[in-house]
Amino acid sequence: MSLDLVPIDREPASAAVLLSGIPGSGKSTVAAALAARFGMSAHIEVDGLQELIVGGCRWPTMEHDPEADRQIFLRARNACLLADSFTTAGFLPVIDDVVVRRTHLGFYRSQLESTPLYVVFLAPGPDKAWERNNARDKRLTTNWAPLDEAMREELAGEDVWIDNVEMSVEETVEAILTATTLKPTA
């Protein structure tokens, strides 16, 4: 008996979104809410890809750790592979990751060349991000506040920056839709 192949790909999605900000900026929550506004979309949590590493996982730290740095790019590559697959199948991918350096952003851009990439930085400031970190289940023991200054310095003038310190999740999603001209389908 022969199985007919089910076509996976269809009209590709019109774009991909990379949502960035320091831990506590609202990336995962906003990315999920943004993706939910589209009839066909996928939320790609890069931290979840890091968690797939069972042996030898090295999470990013404030200290220079070459292996952790390598894994930052490995997880970005895997996020891009997933995003390309979803895009080709007609799903708008929304990636959430902490992108602080121009080389990291450039890596995303080089890997996702086949579709327009909207890059959005959530920037509520380090105090609000730390407050949010302490109020959630996924509590962090490291205060990543120094990343805020590094990100603003290194990536100033890049793409879309949204100060979501006083915004609800829905208001933040609306600000992203306005800034990117993405058109929800759900």
C-alpha atoms as a PDB file:
ATOM      1  CA  MET A   1       0.000   0.000   0.000  1.00  0.00           C
ATOM      2  CA  SER A   2       1.360   3.399  -0.963  1.00  0.00           C
ATOM      3  CA  LEU A   3       0.935   6.510   1.093  1.00  0.00           C
ATOM      4  CA  ASP A   4       0.272   9.740  -0.735  1.00  0.00           C
ATOM      5  CA  LEU A   5       2.486  12.553   0.428  1.00  0.00           C
ATOM      6  CA  VAL A   6       0.668  15.413   2.014  1.00  0.00           C
ATOM      7  CA  PRO A   7       1.951  18.742   0.707  1.00  0.00           C
ATOM      8  CA  ILE A   8       3.501  20.676   3.570  1.00  0.00           C
ATOM      9  CA  ASP A   9       4.427  23.908   1.862  1.00  0.00           C
ATOM     10  CA  ARG A  10       2.028  26.451   0.457  1.00  0.00           C
ATOM     11  CA  GLU A  11       2.031  30.177  -0.188  1.00  0.00           C
ATOM     12  CA  PRO A  12       4.812  31.414   2.095  1.00  0.00           C
ATOM     13  CA  ALA A  13       4.129  33.778   4.954  1.00  0.00           C
ATOM     14  CA  SER A  14       4.802  37.408   4.113  1.00  0.00           C
ATOM     15  CA  ALA A  15       7.384  38.009   6.841  1.00  0.00           C
ATOM     16  CA  ALA A  16       9.028  36.902  10.056  1.00  0.00           C
ATOM     17  CA  VAL A  17       9.320  38.810  13.333  1.00  0.00           C
ATOM     18  CA  LEU A  18      12.246  38.856  15.752  1.00  0.00           C
ATOM     19  CA  LEU A  19      11.143  40.254  19.113  1.00  0.00           C
ATOM     20  CA  SER A  20      14.008  41.173  21.403  1.00  0.00           C
ATOM     21  CA  GLY A  21      14.647  42.841  24.731  1.00  0.00           C
ATOM     22  CA  ILE A  22      16.373  42.082  28.004  1.00  0.00           C
ATOM     23  CA  PRO A  23      14.958  39.385  30.301  1.00  0.00           C
ATOM     24  CA  GLY A  24      11.745  40.737  31.829  1.00  0.00           C
ATOM     25  CA  SER A  25      10.977  43.067  28.927  1.00  0.00           C
ATOM     26  CA  GLY A  26       7.918  41.010  27.994  1.00  0.00           C
ATOM     27  CA  LYS A  27       9.261  39.183  24.938  1.00  0.00           C
ATOM     28  CA  SER A  28       7.664  35.788  25.465  1.00  0.00           C
ATOM     29  CA  THR A  29       4.296  37.125  26.590  1.00  0.00           C
ATOM     30  CA  VAL A  30       4.106  39.692  23.803  1.00  0.00           C
ATOM     31  CA  ALA A  31       5.413  37.240  21.166  1.00  0.00           C
ATOM     32  CA  ALA A  32       2.685  34.735  22.050  1.00  0.00           C
ATOM     33  CA  ALA A  33       0.017  37.469  21.962  1.00  0.00           C
ATOM     34  CA  LEU A  34       1.344  38.817  18.651  1.00  0.00           C
ATOM     35  CA  ALA A  35       1.381  35.357  17.077  1.00  0.00           C
ATOM     36  CA  ALA A  36      -2.198  34.778  18.297  1.00  0.00           C
ATOM     37  CA  ARG A  37      -3.342  37.722  16.153  1.00  0.00           C
ATOM     38  CA  PHE A  38      -2.582  35.758  12.977  1.00  0.00           C
ATOM     39  CA  GLY A  39      -4.566  32.831  11.633  1.00  0.00           C
ATOM     40  CA  MET A  40      -1.398  30.935  10.787  1.00  0.00           C
ATOM     41  CA  SER A  41       1.571  31.696  13.006  1.00  0.00           C
ATOM     42  CA  ALA A  42       4.187  30.125  15.239  1.00  0.00           C
ATOM     43  CA  HIS A  43       5.852  31.423  18.407  1.00  0.00           C
ATOM     44  CA  ILE A  44       9.477  30.325  18.576  1.00  0.00           C
ATOM     45  CA  GLU A  45      10.891  30.732  22.091  1.00  0.00           C
ATOM     46  CA  VAL A  46      14.646  30.574  21.753  1.00  0.00           C
ATOM     47  CA  ASP A  47      15.024  29.730  25.463  1.00  0.00           C
ATOM     48  CA  GLY A  48      12.972  26.607  24.723  1.00  0.00           C
ATOM     49  CA  LEU A  49      15.454  25.634  22.027  1.00  0.00           C
ATOM     50  CA  GLN A  50      18.290  26.063  24.534  1.00  0.00           C
ATOM     51  CA  GLU A  51      16.442  23.716  26.905  1.00  0.00           C
ATOM     52  CA  LEU A  52      16.588  20.976  24.246  1.00  0.00           C
ATOM     53  CA  ILE A  53      20.299  20.612  24.975  1.00  0.00           C
ATOM     54  CA  VAL A  54      20.369  17.754  27.481  1.00  0.00           C
ATOM     55  CA  GLY A  55      24.102  17.381  27.999  1.00  0.00           C
ATOM     56  CA  GLY A  56      26.553  20.271  27.905  1.00  0.00           C
ATOM     57  CA  CYS A  57      24.046  23.111  27.974  1.00  0.00           C
ATOM     58  CA  ARG A  58      25.652  26.453  28.842  1.00  0.00           C
ATOM     59  CA  TRP A  59      23.267  29.331  29.442  1.00  0.00           C
ATOM     60  CA  PRO A  60      24.473  32.859  28.712  1.00  0.00           C
ATOM     61  CA  THR A  61      26.205  34.577  31.621  1.00  0.00           C
ATOM     62  CA  MET A  62      27.542  38.039  32.333  1.00  0.00           C
ATOM     63  CA  GLU A  63      31.079  36.613  32.235  1.00  0.00           C
ATOM     64  CA  HIS A  64      32.745  35.708  28.961  1.00  0.00           C
ATOM     65  CA  ASP A  65      32.087  32.008  28.355  1.00  0.00           C
ATOM     66  CA  PRO A  66      33.079  30.900  24.825  1.00  0.00           C
ATOM     67  CA  GLU A  67      30.864  27.798  24.944  1.00  0.00           C
ATOM     68  CA  ALA A  68      27.823  29.768  26.109  1.00  0.00           C
ATOM     69  CA  ASP A  69      28.519  32.315  23.365  1.00  0.00           C
ATOM     70  CA  ARG A  70      28.689  29.515  20.787  1.00  0.00           C
ATOM     71  CA  GLN A  71      25.375  28.149  22.004  1.00  0.00           C
ATOM     72  CA  ILE A  72      23.760  31.595  21.639  1.00  0.00           C
ATOM     73  CA  PHE A  73      24.428  31.320  17.905  1.00  0.00           C
ATOM     74  CA  LEU A  74      23.454  27.638  17.803  1.00  0.00           C
ATOM     75  CA  ARG A  75      20.034  28.384  19.258  1.00  0.00           C
ATOM     76  CA  ALA A  76      19.665  31.361  16.887  1.00  0.00           C
ATOM     77  CA  ARG A  77      20.487  29.092  13.946  1.00  0.00           C
ATOM     78  CA  ASN A  78      17.911  26.559  15.098  1.00  0.00           C
ATOM     79  CA  ALA A  79      15.328  29.329  15.538  1.00  0.00           C
ATOM     80  CA  CYS A  80      16.033  30.463  11.975  1.00  0.00           C
ATOM     81  CA  LEU A  81      15.705  26.920  10.615  1.00  0.00           C
ATOM     82  CA  LEU A  82      12.321  26.625  12.310  1.00  0.00           C
ATOM     83  CA  ALA A  83      11.289  30.090  11.138  1.00  0.00           C
ATOM     84  CA  ASP A  84      12.189  29.234   7.528  1.00  0.00           C
ATOM     85  CA  SER A  85      10.234  25.997   7.740  1.00  0.00           C
ATOM     86  CA  PHE A  86       7.174  27.727   9.191  1.00  0.00           C
ATOM     87  CA  THR A  87       7.412  30.585   6.682  1.00  0.00           C
ATOM     88  CA  THR A  88       7.555  28.183   3.738  1.00  0.00           C
ATOM     89  CA  ALA A  89       4.508  26.369   5.119  1.00  0.00           C
ATOM     90  CA  GLY A  90       2.578  29.660   5.335  1.00  0.00           C
ATOM     91  CA  PHE A  91       2.958  30.379   9.061  1.00  0.00           C
ATOM     92  CA  LEU A  92       4.203  33.763  10.280  1.00  0.00           C
ATOM     93  CA  PRO A  93       7.054  32.992  12.700  1.00  0.00           C
ATOM     94  CA  VAL A  94       7.501  35.199  15.774  1.00  0.00           C
ATOM     95  CA  ILE A  95      10.901  34.561  17.358  1.00  0.00           C
ATOM     96  CA  ASP A  96      11.693  35.826  20.845  1.00  0.00           C
ATOM     97  CA  ASP A  97      15.326  36.094  21.854  1.00  0.00           C
ATOM     98  CA  VAL A  98      17.672  38.380  23.763  1.00  0.00           C
ATOM     99  CA  VAL A  99      19.744  40.047  21.037  1.00  0.00           C
ATOM    100  CA  VAL A 100      22.296  42.481  22.439  1.00  0.00           C
ATOM    101  CA  ARG A 101      25.082  42.589  19.868  1.00  0.00           C
ATOM    102  CA  ARG A 102      25.133  43.715  16.254  1.00  0.00           C
ATOM    103  CA  THR A 103      26.835  40.427  15.259  1.00  0.00           C
ATOM    104  CA  HIS A 104      23.940  38.458  16.751  1.00  0.00           C
ATOM    105  CA  LEU A 105      21.370  40.600  14.922  1.00  0.00           C
ATOM    106  CA  GLY A 106      23.389  40.301  11.726  1.00  0.00           C
ATOM    107  CA  PHE A 107      23.393  36.533  12.122  1.00  0.00           C
ATOM    108  CA  TYR A 108      19.573  36.496  12.265  1.00  0.00           C
ATOM    109  CA  ARG A 109      19.375  38.717   9.199  1.00  0.00           C
ATOM    110  CA  SER A 110      21.803  36.565   7.213  1.00  0.00           C
ATOM    111  CA  GLN A 111      19.959  33.366   8.122  1.00  0.00           C
ATOM    112  CA  LEU A 112      16.494  34.760   7.305  1.00  0.00           C
ATOM    113  CA  GLU A 113      17.293  36.409   3.987  1.00  0.00           C
ATOM    114  CA  SER A 114      14.440  34.733   2.109  1.00  0.00           C
ATOM    115  CA  THR A 115      11.688  36.695   3.854  1.00  0.00           C
ATOM    116  CA  PRO A 116      11.292  40.224   5.183  1.00  0.00           C
ATOM    117  CA  LEU A 117      12.376  40.302   8.827  1.00  0.00           C
ATOM    118  CA  TYR A 118      10.802  42.777  11.213  1.00  0.00           C
ATOM    119  CA  VAL A 119      13.004  43.349  14.257  1.00  0.00           C
ATOM    120  CA  VAL A 120      11.319  44.839  17.319  1.00  0.00           C
ATOM    121  CA  PHE A 121      13.065  45.712  20.578  1.00  0.00           C
ATOM    122  CA  LEU A 122      10.976  45.947  23.741  1.00  0.00           C
ATOM    123  CA  ALA A 123      12.598  48.500  26.016  1.00  0.00           C
ATOM    124  CA  PRO A 124      10.781  49.046  29.315  1.00  0.00           C
ATOM    125  CA  GLY A 125      14.056  49.893  31.055  1.00  0.00           C
ATOM    126  CA  PRO A 126      16.097  47.809  33.496  1.00  0.00           C
ATOM    127  CA  ASP A 127      14.104  48.667  36.639  1.00  0.00           C
ATOM    128  CA  LYS A 128      10.768  47.605  35.143  1.00  0.00           C
ATOM    129  CA  ALA A 129      12.336  44.459  33.641  1.00  0.00           C
ATOM    130  CA  TRP A 130      13.789  43.466  37.033  1.00  0.00           C
ATOM    131  CA  GLU A 131      10.411  44.117  38.686  1.00  0.00           C
ATOM    132  CA  ARG A 132       8.705  41.881  36.099  1.00  0.00           C
ATOM    133  CA  ASN A 133      11.365  39.188  36.570  1.00  0.00           C
ATOM    134  CA  ASN A 134      10.652  39.107  40.296  1.00  0.00           C
ATOM    135  CA  ALA A 135       6.894  38.891  39.756  1.00  0.00           C
ATOM    136  CA  ARG A 136       6.814  35.853  37.465  1.00  0.00           C
ATOM    137  CA  ASP A 137       7.137  32.105  37.857  1.00  0.00           C
ATOM    138  CA  LYS A 138      10.292  32.036  35.732  1.00  0.00           C
ATOM    139  CA  ARG A 139      12.344  34.009  38.267  1.00  0.00           C
ATOM    140  CA  LEU A 140      15.895  34.834  37.418  1.00  0.00           C
ATOM    141  CA  THR A 141      18.671  35.056  39.955  1.00  0.00           C
ATOM    142  CA  THR A 142      20.818  37.284  37.750  1.00  0.00           C
ATOM    143  CA  ASN A 143      19.929  40.931  37.316  1.00  0.00           C
ATOM    144  CA  TRP A 144      20.433  41.461  33.592  1.00  0.00           C
ATOM    145  CA  ALA A 145      20.057  45.264  33.844  1.00  0.00           C
ATOM    146  CA  PRO A 146      23.528  45.911  32.310  1.00  0.00           C
ATOM    147  CA  LEU A 147      22.259  44.335  29.078  1.00  0.00           C
ATOM    148  CA  ASP A 148      19.793  47.200  28.690  1.00  0.00           C
ATOM    149  CA  GLU A 149      22.563  49.773  28.363  1.00  0.00           C
ATOM    150  CA  ALA A 150      24.656  47.476  26.172  1.00  0.00           C
ATOM    151  CA  MET A 151      21.699  46.798  23.864  1.00  0.00           C
ATOM    152  CA  ARG A 152      20.758  50.469  23.567  1.00  0.00           C
ATOM    153  CA  GLU A 153      24.374  51.422  22.867  1.00  0.00           C
ATOM    154  CA  GLU A 154      25.154  48.658  20.386  1.00  0.00           C
ATOM    155  CA  LEU A 155      21.830  48.597  18.516  1.00  0.00           C
ATOM    156  CA  ALA A 156      20.705  52.233  18.678  1.00  0.00           C
ATOM    157  CA  GLY A 157      18.940  53.184  15.473  1.00  0.00           C
ATOM    158  CA  GLU A 158      18.149  49.594  14.515  1.00  0.00           C
ATOM    159  CA  ASP A 159      14.604  48.820  13.455  1.00  0.00           C
ATOM    160  CA  VAL A 160      11.710  49.385  15.884  1.00  0.00           C
ATOM    161  CA  TRP A 161      12.116  50.256  19.576  1.00  0.00           C
ATOM    162  CA  ILE A 162       9.042  50.234  21.816  1.00  0.00           C
ATOM    163  CA  ASP A 163       9.106  51.599  25.346  1.00  0.00           C
ATOM    164  CA  ASN A 164       6.486  49.291  26.865  1.00  0.00           C
ATOM    165  CA  VAL A 165       7.038  50.287  30.497  1.00  0.00           C
ATOM    166  CA  GLU A 166       3.436  51.580  30.855  1.00  0.00           C
ATOM    167  CA  MET A 167       1.822  49.446  28.133  1.00  0.00           C
ATOM    168  CA  SER A 168      -0.380  46.416  28.504  1.00  0.00           C
ATOM    169  CA  VAL A 169       0.420  43.336  26.438  1.00  0.00           C
ATOM    170  CA  GLU A 170      -2.377  44.233  24.002  1.00  0.00           C
ATOM    171  CA  GLU A 171      -1.155  47.834  23.685  1.00  0.00           C
ATOM    172  CA  THR A 172       2.347  46.551  22.991  1.00  0.00           C
ATOM    173  CA  VAL A 173       1.029  44.198  20.286  1.00  0.00           C
ATOM    174  CA  GLU A 174      -0.878  47.103  18.705  1.00  0.00           C
ATOM    175  CA  ALA A 175       2.282  49.238  18.753  1.00  0.00           C
ATOM    176  CA  ILE A 176       4.191  46.425  17.007  1.00  0.00           C
ATOM    177  CA  LEU A 177       1.492  46.012  14.361  1.00  0.00           C
ATOM    178  CA  THR A 178       1.484  49.752  13.698  1.00  0.00           C
ATOM    179  CA  ALA A 179       5.278  50.013  13.501  1.00  0.00           C
ATOM    180  CA  THR A 180       5.725  46.989  11.242  1.00  0.00           C
ATOM    181  CA  THR A 181       2.616  47.323   9.084  1.00  0.00           C
ATOM    182  CA  LEU A 182       1.883  43.623   9.643  1.00  0.00           C
ATOM    183  CA  LYS A 183      -1.792  42.847   9.019  1.00  0.00           C
ATOM    184  CA  PRO A 184      -3.421  40.385  11.469  1.00  0.00           C
ATOM    185  CA  THR A 185      -5.515  37.624   9.918  1.00  0.00           C
ATOM    186  CA  ALA A 186      -7.139  36.094  12.989  1.00  0.00           C
END
